[in-house]
């Protein structure tokens, strides 16, 4: 009987020691408001001071490990630093925490593209369009990757048509019109 009690205590101690951030008691420690504030501050810093942005994002994730935008922004920081493996990991976190948002998927696709994983990048851009059909940033990136990598896709002509009319900037619209004029996408 005593051995059984010791085994139960040992198992309970192991469980408590390995609970980690997914333990139910971690819910009480979450501060999503603070995470949002810090993540917004870090987003403003990404263009000017990636080191400080990274520090602030780590603080945001300390406030709430499950705040998806902070993971996405930290992935952007890593992508800017050419830390592709770390960026991909953060975008995967963000993708799981933000299931209906295209940004983590698009950013993961950009990471895969930079890593030379063209087929995986194309597939991942398409997942961004599955969760947000018509997401212009994903359409532009996907169309450009298909053109640059000389990959055919039955939707490419339609994407180019859409970019030619709705592209985020005039250079995007001009690029799409130029590519569309090469009738081999029709």
N, C-alpha and C. Protein backbone atom coordinates (compact mmCIF):
# COMPACT_ATOMS: atom_id res chain seq x y z
N UNK A 1 0.82 -1.19 0.00
CA UNK A 1 0.00 0.00 0.00
C UNK A 1 0.87 1.26 0.00
N UNK A 2 1.94 1.24 0.78
CA UNK A 2 2.82 2.39 0.87
C UNK A 2 3.49 2.67 -0.48
N UNK A 3 3.90 1.63 -1.19
CA UNK A 3 4.52 1.80 -2.51
C UNK A 3 3.55 2.47 -3.48
N UNK A 4 2.29 2.09 -3.41
CA UNK A 4 1.26 2.69 -4.26
C UNK A 4 1.12 4.19 -3.97
N UNK A 5 1.12 4.58 -2.72
CA UNK A 5 1.00 5.98 -2.33
C UNK A 5 2.20 6.78 -2.82
N UNK A 6 3.39 6.17 -2.70
CA UNK A 6 4.60 6.85 -3.19
C UNK A 6 4.55 7.03 -4.71
N UNK A 7 4.04 6.05 -5.42
CA UNK A 7 3.92 6.15 -6.87
C UNK A 7 2.96 7.27 -7.25
N UNK A 8 1.84 7.35 -6.57
CA UNK A 8 0.86 8.41 -6.84
C UNK A 8 1.48 9.78 -6.58
N UNK A 9 2.21 9.93 -5.47
CA UNK A 9 2.86 11.20 -5.16
C UNK A 9 3.92 11.54 -6.20
N UNK A 10 4.68 10.54 -6.63
CA UNK A 10 5.72 10.78 -7.64
C UNK A 10 5.09 11.22 -8.96
N UNK A 11 4.02 10.58 -9.36
CA UNK A 11 3.33 10.96 -10.60
C UNK A 11 2.76 12.37 -10.49
N UNK A 12 2.19 12.71 -9.36
CA UNK A 12 1.64 14.05 -9.16
C UNK A 12 2.75 15.09 -9.23
N UNK A 13 3.91 14.80 -8.66
CA UNK A 13 5.03 15.73 -8.70
C UNK A 13 5.52 15.92 -10.13
N UNK A 14 5.61 14.83 -10.89
CA UNK A 14 6.03 14.91 -12.29
C UNK A 14 5.04 15.74 -13.10
N UNK A 15 3.77 15.52 -12.86
CA UNK A 15 2.75 16.27 -13.59
C UNK A 15 2.85 17.75 -13.27
N UNK A 16 3.04 18.10 -12.01
CA UNK A 16 3.15 19.50 -11.62
C UNK A 16 4.40 20.13 -12.22
N UNK A 17 5.50 19.39 -12.25
CA UNK A 17 6.75 19.93 -12.78
C UNK A 17 6.70 20.11 -14.29
N UNK A 18 5.91 19.30 -14.98
CA UNK A 18 5.88 19.38 -16.44
C UNK A 18 4.64 20.09 -16.97
N UNK A 19 3.89 20.73 -16.10
CA UNK A 19 2.64 21.36 -16.54
C UNK A 19 2.88 22.38 -17.63
N UNK A 20 3.91 23.21 -17.52
CA UNK A 20 4.26 24.17 -18.55
C UNK A 20 3.16 25.19 -18.81
N UNK A 21 3.25 25.89 -19.93
CA UNK A 21 2.31 26.98 -20.21
C UNK A 21 0.91 26.50 -20.56
N UNK A 22 0.72 25.21 -20.80
CA UNK A 22 -0.58 24.71 -21.19
C UNK A 22 -1.42 24.25 -20.01
N UNK A 23 -0.89 24.37 -18.81
CA UNK A 23 -1.62 23.94 -17.62
C UNK A 23 -2.84 24.82 -17.41
N UNK A 24 -3.93 24.26 -16.92
CA UNK A 24 -5.13 25.06 -16.69
C UNK A 24 -4.90 26.26 -15.78
N UNK A 25 -3.98 26.13 -14.81
CA UNK A 25 -3.75 27.25 -13.91
C UNK A 25 -3.07 28.42 -14.62
N UNK A 26 -2.50 28.20 -15.80
CA UNK A 26 -1.86 29.30 -16.51
C UNK A 26 -2.89 30.30 -17.03
N UNK A 27 -4.14 29.90 -17.16
CA UNK A 27 -5.20 30.79 -17.62
C UNK A 27 -5.32 32.01 -16.71
N UNK A 28 -5.15 31.80 -15.40
CA UNK A 28 -5.27 32.90 -14.45
C UNK A 28 -4.12 33.90 -14.59
N UNK A 29 -3.00 33.46 -15.14
CA UNK A 29 -1.84 34.33 -15.30
C UNK A 29 -1.85 35.12 -16.60
N UNK A 30 -2.80 34.88 -17.46
CA UNK A 30 -2.83 35.55 -18.76
C UNK A 30 -3.31 36.99 -18.60
N UNK A 31 -2.68 37.88 -19.36
CA UNK A 31 -3.08 39.29 -19.38
C UNK A 31 -3.15 39.75 -20.83
N UNK A 32 -4.26 39.41 -21.53
CA UNK A 32 -4.37 39.73 -22.95
C UNK A 32 -4.38 41.23 -23.24
N UNK A 33 -4.86 42.03 -22.31
CA UNK A 33 -4.88 43.49 -22.53
C UNK A 33 -3.44 44.01 -22.57
N UNK A 34 -2.63 43.57 -21.63
CA UNK A 34 -1.21 43.98 -21.61
C UNK A 34 -0.50 43.46 -22.86
N UNK A 35 -0.78 42.23 -23.24
CA UNK A 35 -0.16 41.65 -24.45
C UNK A 35 -0.53 42.47 -25.68
N UNK A 36 -1.78 42.90 -25.78
CA UNK A 36 -2.23 43.71 -26.91
C UNK A 36 -1.50 45.05 -26.94
N UNK A 37 -1.39 45.70 -25.78
CA UNK A 37 -0.70 46.99 -25.71
C UNK A 37 0.77 46.85 -26.13
N UNK A 38 1.44 45.84 -25.60
CA UNK A 38 2.85 45.64 -25.93
C UNK A 38 3.03 45.26 -27.39
N UNK A 39 2.16 44.42 -27.90
CA UNK A 39 2.26 44.00 -29.29
C UNK A 39 2.06 45.18 -30.23
N UNK A 40 1.12 46.06 -29.92
CA UNK A 40 0.89 47.26 -30.74
C UNK A 40 2.12 48.17 -30.70
N UNK A 41 2.72 48.32 -29.52
CA UNK A 41 3.93 49.14 -29.41
C UNK A 41 5.07 48.53 -30.22
N UNK A 42 5.20 47.22 -30.15
CA UNK A 42 6.27 46.55 -30.90
C UNK A 42 6.05 46.67 -32.41
N UNK A 43 4.79 46.60 -32.85
CA UNK A 43 4.51 46.72 -34.29
C UNK A 43 5.01 48.05 -34.82
N UNK A 44 4.90 49.10 -34.00
CA UNK A 44 5.41 50.41 -34.42
C UNK A 44 6.93 50.44 -34.47
N UNK A 45 7.58 49.57 -33.71
CA UNK A 45 9.05 49.55 -33.63
C UNK A 45 9.71 48.68 -34.70
N UNK A 46 8.97 47.77 -35.29
CA UNK A 46 9.58 46.79 -36.19
C UNK A 46 10.37 47.45 -37.32
N UNK A 47 9.85 48.52 -37.87
CA UNK A 47 10.53 49.17 -39.00
C UNK A 47 11.78 49.92 -38.58
N UNK A 48 11.85 50.36 -37.32
CA UNK A 48 12.96 51.21 -36.90
C UNK A 48 13.95 50.56 -35.94
N UNK A 49 13.48 49.61 -35.11
CA UNK A 49 14.35 49.02 -34.09
C UNK A 49 13.91 47.58 -33.81
N UNK A 50 14.38 46.64 -34.63
CA UNK A 50 13.92 45.25 -34.49
C UNK A 50 14.35 44.64 -33.16
N UNK A 51 15.49 45.05 -32.65
CA UNK A 51 15.94 44.52 -31.36
C UNK A 51 14.98 44.89 -30.24
N UNK A 52 14.58 46.14 -30.21
CA UNK A 52 13.63 46.59 -29.18
C UNK A 52 12.26 45.97 -29.43
N UNK A 53 11.88 45.85 -30.70
CA UNK A 53 10.60 45.22 -31.02
C UNK A 53 10.59 43.77 -30.52
N UNK A 54 11.69 43.07 -30.71
CA UNK A 54 11.78 41.69 -30.23
C UNK A 54 11.64 41.63 -28.71
N UNK A 55 12.32 42.53 -28.02
CA UNK A 55 12.25 42.55 -26.55
C UNK A 55 10.82 42.80 -26.08
N UNK A 56 10.15 43.76 -26.70
CA UNK A 56 8.78 44.11 -26.30
C UNK A 56 7.83 42.94 -26.62
N UNK A 57 8.04 42.28 -27.75
CA UNK A 57 7.18 41.14 -28.11
C UNK A 57 7.38 39.98 -27.15
N UNK A 58 8.60 39.76 -26.72
CA UNK A 58 8.83 38.71 -25.71
C UNK A 58 8.11 39.05 -24.41
N UNK A 59 8.11 40.33 -24.07
CA UNK A 59 7.37 40.77 -22.89
C UNK A 59 5.87 40.55 -23.08
N UNK A 60 5.38 40.84 -24.29
CA UNK A 60 3.95 40.62 -24.58
C UNK A 60 3.59 39.15 -24.43
N UNK A 61 4.46 38.27 -24.93
CA UNK A 61 4.18 36.85 -24.82
C UNK A 61 4.33 36.36 -23.38
N UNK A 62 5.12 37.06 -22.58
CA UNK A 62 5.18 36.76 -21.16
C UNK A 62 3.86 37.12 -20.47
N UNK A 63 3.21 38.16 -20.98
CA UNK A 63 1.91 38.55 -20.43
C UNK A 63 0.82 37.59 -20.87
N UNK A 64 0.91 37.11 -22.11
CA UNK A 64 -0.09 36.16 -22.61
C UNK A 64 0.54 35.33 -23.73
N UNK A 65 0.95 34.13 -23.39
CA UNK A 65 1.59 33.24 -24.35
C UNK A 65 0.69 32.91 -25.53
N UNK A 66 -0.61 33.06 -25.36
CA UNK A 66 -1.56 32.66 -26.39
C UNK A 66 -2.09 33.84 -27.19
N UNK A 67 -1.37 34.96 -27.20
CA UNK A 67 -1.78 36.13 -27.97
C UNK A 67 -1.17 36.02 -29.37
N UNK A 68 -1.98 35.57 -30.32
CA UNK A 68 -1.53 35.28 -31.68
C UNK A 68 -0.83 36.42 -32.39
N UNK A 69 -1.35 37.67 -32.34
CA UNK A 69 -0.66 38.75 -33.04
C UNK A 69 0.77 38.98 -32.57
N UNK A 70 1.06 38.72 -31.29
CA UNK A 70 2.43 38.87 -30.81
C UNK A 70 3.34 37.82 -31.43
N UNK A 71 2.84 36.60 -31.57
CA UNK A 71 3.62 35.55 -32.25
C UNK A 71 3.85 35.94 -33.71
N UNK A 72 2.80 36.43 -34.37
CA UNK A 72 2.93 36.83 -35.77
C UNK A 72 3.97 37.95 -35.91
N UNK A 73 3.89 38.96 -35.04
CA UNK A 73 4.85 40.07 -35.11
C UNK A 73 6.27 39.62 -34.78
N UNK A 74 6.41 38.70 -33.83
CA UNK A 74 7.75 38.19 -33.52
C UNK A 74 8.30 37.42 -34.72
N UNK A 75 7.42 36.71 -35.42
CA UNK A 75 7.84 36.05 -36.65
C UNK A 75 8.34 37.04 -37.68
N UNK A 76 7.67 38.18 -37.80
CA UNK A 76 8.10 39.23 -38.73
C UNK A 76 9.48 39.75 -38.34
N UNK A 77 9.70 39.93 -37.04
CA UNK A 77 11.02 40.36 -36.55
C UNK A 77 12.08 39.34 -36.97
N UNK A 78 11.81 38.07 -36.72
CA UNK A 78 12.78 37.03 -37.09
C UNK A 78 12.99 36.98 -38.60
N UNK A 79 11.94 37.18 -39.36
CA UNK A 79 12.07 37.18 -40.82
C UNK A 79 12.98 38.32 -41.26
N UNK A 80 12.82 39.48 -40.67
CA UNK A 80 13.69 40.63 -40.99
C UNK A 80 15.14 40.34 -40.61
N UNK A 81 15.33 39.52 -39.57
CA UNK A 81 16.68 39.16 -39.12
C UNK A 81 17.23 37.94 -39.88
N UNK A 82 16.47 37.44 -40.84
CA UNK A 82 16.84 36.26 -41.64
C UNK A 82 16.95 34.99 -40.79
N UNK A 83 16.22 34.96 -39.66
CA UNK A 83 16.15 33.77 -38.81
C UNK A 83 14.91 32.99 -39.26
N UNK A 84 15.04 32.28 -40.38
CA UNK A 84 13.88 31.67 -41.01
C UNK A 84 13.24 30.57 -40.18
N UNK A 85 14.04 29.76 -39.54
CA UNK A 85 13.49 28.68 -38.72
C UNK A 85 12.66 29.24 -37.58
N UNK A 86 13.22 30.24 -36.88
CA UNK A 86 12.50 30.86 -35.77
C UNK A 86 11.24 31.56 -36.26
N UNK A 87 11.34 32.24 -37.41
CA UNK A 87 10.17 32.92 -37.97
C UNK A 87 9.06 31.92 -38.27
N UNK A 88 9.43 30.81 -38.91
CA UNK A 88 8.43 29.79 -39.24
C UNK A 88 7.74 29.26 -37.99
N UNK A 89 8.49 29.06 -36.93
CA UNK A 89 7.90 28.58 -35.68
C UNK A 89 6.89 29.57 -35.11
N UNK A 90 7.22 30.85 -35.15
CA UNK A 90 6.29 31.86 -34.63
C UNK A 90 5.05 31.98 -35.51
N UNK A 91 5.23 31.87 -36.83
CA UNK A 91 4.06 31.94 -37.71
C UNK A 91 3.16 30.71 -37.53
N UNK A 92 3.75 29.57 -37.22
CA UNK A 92 2.94 28.38 -36.92
C UNK A 92 2.11 28.59 -35.66
N UNK A 93 2.74 29.15 -34.63
CA UNK A 93 2.00 29.48 -33.40
C UNK A 93 0.84 30.41 -33.75
N UNK A 94 1.15 31.49 -34.47
CA UNK A 94 0.13 32.49 -34.80
C UNK A 94 -0.98 31.88 -35.64
N UNK A 95 -0.62 31.00 -36.56
CA UNK A 95 -1.62 30.35 -37.42
C UNK A 95 -2.61 29.56 -36.58
N UNK A 96 -2.10 28.86 -35.59
CA UNK A 96 -2.98 28.06 -34.73
C UNK A 96 -3.84 28.94 -33.83
N UNK A 97 -3.29 30.05 -33.39
CA UNK A 97 -4.01 30.94 -32.47
C UNK A 97 -4.95 31.91 -33.20
N UNK A 98 -4.74 32.07 -34.51
CA UNK A 98 -5.55 32.99 -35.32
C UNK A 98 -6.11 32.23 -36.52
N UNK A 99 -6.96 31.24 -36.30
CA UNK A 99 -7.36 30.33 -37.37
C UNK A 99 -8.08 30.99 -38.55
N UNK A 100 -8.71 32.11 -38.39
CA UNK A 100 -9.44 32.74 -39.49
C UNK A 100 -8.71 33.91 -40.11
N UNK A 101 -7.44 34.10 -39.78
CA UNK A 101 -6.70 35.26 -40.27
C UNK A 101 -5.63 34.83 -41.28
N UNK A 102 -5.51 35.54 -42.40
CA UNK A 102 -4.54 35.13 -43.43
C UNK A 102 -3.09 35.52 -43.13
N UNK A 103 -2.86 36.54 -42.30
CA UNK A 103 -1.50 37.05 -42.13
C UNK A 103 -0.47 36.01 -41.69
N UNK A 104 -0.74 35.18 -40.68
CA UNK A 104 0.29 34.20 -40.30
C UNK A 104 0.61 33.23 -41.44
N UNK A 105 -0.40 32.86 -42.22
CA UNK A 105 -0.18 31.95 -43.34
C UNK A 105 0.62 32.62 -44.44
N UNK A 106 0.26 33.87 -44.73
CA UNK A 106 1.00 34.61 -45.75
C UNK A 106 2.46 34.81 -45.31
N UNK A 107 2.67 35.15 -44.05
CA UNK A 107 4.02 35.34 -43.55
C UNK A 107 4.81 34.03 -43.54
N UNK A 108 4.15 32.93 -43.21
CA UNK A 108 4.82 31.64 -43.28
C UNK A 108 5.21 31.32 -44.72
N UNK A 109 4.32 31.64 -45.66
CA UNK A 109 4.63 31.41 -47.07
C UNK A 109 5.82 32.26 -47.51
N UNK A 110 5.88 33.51 -47.07
CA UNK A 110 7.04 34.36 -47.38
C UNK A 110 8.33 33.74 -46.85
N UNK A 111 8.25 33.18 -45.65
CA UNK A 111 9.41 32.53 -45.03
C UNK A 111 9.84 31.32 -45.86
N UNK A 112 8.87 30.50 -46.25
CA UNK A 112 9.17 29.33 -47.08
C UNK A 112 9.76 29.75 -48.42
N UNK A 113 9.22 30.82 -48.98
CA UNK A 113 9.74 31.34 -50.25
C UNK A 113 11.19 31.77 -50.09
N UNK A 114 11.50 32.48 -49.02
CA UNK A 114 12.89 32.90 -48.78
C UNK A 114 13.81 31.71 -48.55
N UNK A 115 13.26 30.63 -48.02
CA UNK A 115 14.06 29.42 -47.78
C UNK A 115 14.20 28.58 -49.05
N UNK A 116 13.61 29.03 -50.15
CA UNK A 116 13.72 28.29 -51.40
C UNK A 116 12.74 27.13 -51.52
N UNK A 117 11.73 27.09 -50.67
CA UNK A 117 10.73 26.03 -50.67
C UNK A 117 9.51 26.48 -51.47
N UNK A 118 9.67 26.59 -52.78
CA UNK A 118 8.65 27.19 -53.64
C UNK A 118 7.33 26.45 -53.60
N UNK A 119 7.34 25.14 -53.74
CA UNK A 119 6.08 24.39 -53.73
C UNK A 119 5.34 24.56 -52.41
N UNK A 120 6.07 24.49 -51.30
CA UNK A 120 5.45 24.66 -49.99
C UNK A 120 4.93 26.08 -49.81
N UNK A 121 5.67 27.06 -50.34
CA UNK A 121 5.23 28.46 -50.24
C UNK A 121 3.93 28.66 -51.02
N UNK A 122 3.85 28.12 -52.22
CA UNK A 122 2.63 28.24 -53.02
C UNK A 122 1.45 27.62 -52.29
N UNK A 123 1.65 26.42 -51.76
CA UNK A 123 0.58 25.74 -51.02
C UNK A 123 0.15 26.55 -49.80
N UNK A 124 1.10 27.18 -49.13
CA UNK A 124 0.78 27.95 -47.93
C UNK A 124 0.08 29.26 -48.28
N UNK A 125 0.49 29.92 -49.37
CA UNK A 125 -0.26 31.11 -49.82
C UNK A 125 -1.71 30.72 -50.10
N UNK A 126 -1.91 29.57 -50.69
CA UNK A 126 -3.28 29.13 -50.99
C UNK A 126 -4.09 28.89 -49.72
N UNK A 127 -3.43 28.46 -48.63
CA UNK A 127 -4.18 28.30 -47.38
C UNK A 127 -4.62 29.65 -46.84
N UNK A 128 -3.82 30.69 -47.09
CA UNK A 128 -4.24 32.04 -46.68
C UNK A 128 -5.50 32.44 -47.43
N UNK A 129 -5.58 32.06 -48.70
CA UNK A 129 -6.77 32.38 -49.50
C UNK A 129 -7.96 31.50 -49.12
N UNK A 130 -7.69 30.34 -48.56
CA UNK A 130 -8.80 29.49 -48.09
C UNK A 130 -9.49 30.12 -46.88
N UNK A 131 -8.70 30.71 -45.97
CA UNK A 131 -9.30 31.31 -44.78
C UNK A 131 -9.81 32.72 -45.05
N UNK A 132 -9.28 33.37 -46.08
CA UNK A 132 -9.71 34.73 -46.40
C UNK A 132 -9.71 34.88 -47.92
N UNK A 133 -10.72 34.36 -48.59
CA UNK A 133 -10.77 34.47 -50.05
C UNK A 133 -10.67 35.92 -50.50
N UNK A 134 -9.86 36.16 -51.50
CA UNK A 134 -9.70 37.51 -52.02
C UNK A 134 -8.68 38.35 -51.29
N UNK A 135 -7.95 37.79 -50.32
CA UNK A 135 -6.93 38.56 -49.58
C UNK A 135 -5.86 39.02 -50.58
N UNK A 136 -5.87 40.34 -50.86
CA UNK A 136 -5.05 40.89 -51.93
C UNK A 136 -3.56 40.67 -51.73
N UNK A 137 -3.07 40.83 -50.51
CA UNK A 137 -1.64 40.61 -50.27
C UNK A 137 -1.21 39.20 -50.61
N UNK A 138 -2.04 38.23 -50.26
CA UNK A 138 -1.74 36.83 -50.58
C UNK A 138 -1.82 36.58 -52.08
N UNK A 139 -2.82 37.18 -52.73
CA UNK A 139 -2.96 37.01 -54.18
C UNK A 139 -1.75 37.59 -54.90
N UNK A 140 -1.32 38.78 -54.49
CA UNK A 140 -0.16 39.40 -55.13
C UNK A 140 1.10 38.55 -54.95
N UNK A 141 1.34 38.11 -53.72
CA UNK A 141 2.54 37.32 -53.44
C UNK A 141 2.50 35.99 -54.19
N UNK A 142 1.34 35.35 -54.21
CA UNK A 142 1.18 34.06 -54.88
C UNK A 142 1.36 34.20 -56.39
N UNK A 143 0.73 35.21 -56.98
CA UNK A 143 0.86 35.42 -58.42
C UNK A 143 2.31 35.71 -58.80
N UNK A 144 2.96 36.56 -58.01
CA UNK A 144 4.36 36.89 -58.32
C UNK A 144 5.25 35.66 -58.22
N UNK A 145 5.05 34.85 -57.18
CA UNK A 145 5.86 33.65 -57.03
C UNK A 145 5.63 32.69 -58.20
N UNK A 146 4.39 32.53 -58.62
CA UNK A 146 4.11 31.66 -59.76
C UNK A 146 4.81 32.17 -61.02
N UNK A 147 4.75 33.48 -61.26
CA UNK A 147 5.38 34.05 -62.46
C UNK A 147 6.89 33.92 -62.38
N UNK A 148 7.47 34.31 -61.25
CA UNK A 148 8.93 34.30 -61.09
C UNK A 148 9.48 32.88 -61.17
N UNK A 149 8.75 31.92 -60.61
CA UNK A 149 9.23 30.53 -60.61
C UNK A 149 8.75 29.75 -61.83
N UNK A 150 8.07 30.45 -62.74
CA UNK A 150 7.57 29.84 -63.97
C UNK A 150 6.66 28.65 -63.69
N UNK A 151 5.80 28.80 -62.68
CA UNK A 151 4.83 27.76 -62.32
C UNK A 151 3.48 28.14 -62.91
N UNK A 152 2.83 27.19 -63.51
CA UNK A 152 1.50 27.46 -64.03
C UNK A 152 0.47 27.15 -62.95
N UNK A 153 -0.61 27.87 -62.99
CA UNK A 153 -1.71 27.63 -62.07
C UNK A 153 -2.97 28.05 -62.81
N UNK A 154 -4.02 27.25 -62.74
CA UNK A 154 -5.24 27.60 -63.47
C UNK A 154 -5.87 28.92 -63.01
N UNK A 155 -5.51 29.39 -61.83
CA UNK A 155 -6.08 30.63 -61.32
C UNK A 155 -5.21 31.85 -61.58
N UNK A 156 -4.03 31.67 -62.15
CA UNK A 156 -3.08 32.77 -62.31
C UNK A 156 -3.66 33.92 -63.14
N UNK A 157 -4.30 33.65 -64.25
CA UNK A 157 -4.87 34.72 -65.08
C UNK A 157 -5.89 35.54 -64.29
N UNK A 158 -6.72 34.87 -63.51
CA UNK A 158 -7.69 35.58 -62.68
C UNK A 158 -7.03 36.42 -61.61
N UNK A 159 -5.96 35.90 -61.00
CA UNK A 159 -5.25 36.67 -60.00
C UNK A 159 -4.65 37.93 -60.62
N UNK A 160 -4.05 37.76 -61.81
CA UNK A 160 -3.45 38.92 -62.49
C UNK A 160 -4.51 39.95 -62.85
N UNK A 161 -5.68 39.48 -63.29
CA UNK A 161 -6.78 40.41 -63.59
C UNK A 161 -7.16 41.20 -62.34
N UNK A 162 -7.27 40.51 -61.23
CA UNK A 162 -7.66 41.17 -59.98
C UNK A 162 -6.60 42.18 -59.54
N UNK A 163 -5.34 41.80 -59.63
CA UNK A 163 -4.25 42.71 -59.25
C UNK A 163 -4.22 43.92 -60.17
N UNK A 164 -4.46 43.71 -61.47
CA UNK A 164 -4.44 44.81 -62.44
C UNK A 164 -5.47 45.89 -62.09
N UNK A 165 -6.55 45.47 -61.47
CA UNK A 165 -7.61 46.42 -61.12
C UNK A 165 -7.50 46.89 -59.66
N UNK A 166 -7.21 45.97 -58.76
CA UNK A 166 -7.26 46.28 -57.32
C UNK A 166 -5.91 46.29 -56.63
N UNK A 167 -4.82 46.14 -57.36
CA UNK A 167 -3.49 46.05 -56.75
C UNK A 167 -3.26 47.13 -55.71
N UNK A 168 -2.49 46.80 -54.67
CA UNK A 168 -2.28 47.72 -53.55
C UNK A 168 -1.61 49.03 -53.97
N UNK A 169 -0.77 48.96 -55.01
CA UNK A 169 -0.08 50.16 -55.50
C UNK A 169 -0.08 50.14 -57.01
N UNK A 170 0.24 51.26 -57.59
CA UNK A 170 0.30 51.34 -59.06
C UNK A 170 1.36 50.40 -59.64
N UNK A 171 2.54 50.29 -59.02
CA UNK A 171 3.51 49.32 -59.56
C UNK A 171 2.94 47.88 -59.62
N UNK A 172 2.17 47.49 -58.61
CA UNK A 172 1.55 46.16 -58.65
C UNK A 172 0.57 46.07 -59.82
N UNK A 173 -0.24 47.10 -60.00
CA UNK A 173 -1.22 47.08 -61.09
C UNK A 173 -0.53 47.04 -62.44
N UNK A 174 0.53 47.83 -62.61
CA UNK A 174 1.29 47.83 -63.87
C UNK A 174 1.93 46.47 -64.11
N UNK A 175 2.51 45.88 -63.07
CA UNK A 175 3.14 44.56 -63.21
C UNK A 175 2.11 43.54 -63.69
N UNK A 176 0.94 43.54 -63.08
CA UNK A 176 -0.10 42.57 -63.44
C UNK A 176 -0.57 42.78 -64.87
N UNK A 177 -0.74 44.03 -65.28
CA UNK A 177 -1.15 44.29 -66.68
C UNK A 177 -0.08 43.82 -67.66
N UNK A 178 1.17 44.06 -67.32
CA UNK A 178 2.28 43.63 -68.18
C UNK A 178 2.31 42.10 -68.28
N UNK A 179 2.18 41.41 -67.14
CA UNK A 179 2.19 39.95 -67.15
C UNK A 179 0.96 39.39 -67.88
N UNK A 180 -0.17 40.03 -67.69
CA UNK A 180 -1.39 39.57 -68.35
C UNK A 180 -1.30 39.72 -69.85
N UNK A 181 -0.56 40.72 -70.31
CA UNK A 181 -0.43 40.94 -71.75
C UNK A 181 0.39 39.86 -72.42
N UNK A 182 1.08 39.09 -71.65
CA UNK A 182 1.86 37.97 -72.20
C UNK A 182 0.94 36.77 -72.40
N UNK A 183 -0.11 36.87 -73.01
CA UNK A 183 -1.24 35.96 -73.19
C UNK A 183 -1.05 34.49 -72.80
N UNK A 184 0.15 34.05 -72.43
CA UNK A 184 0.31 32.62 -72.08
C UNK A 184 -0.36 32.26 -70.75
N UNK A 185 -0.89 33.23 -70.00
CA UNK A 185 -1.60 32.91 -68.76
C UNK A 185 -3.09 32.73 -69.01
N UNK A 186 -3.54 33.09 -70.18
CA UNK A 186 -4.98 33.04 -70.47
C UNK A 186 -5.43 31.62 -70.75
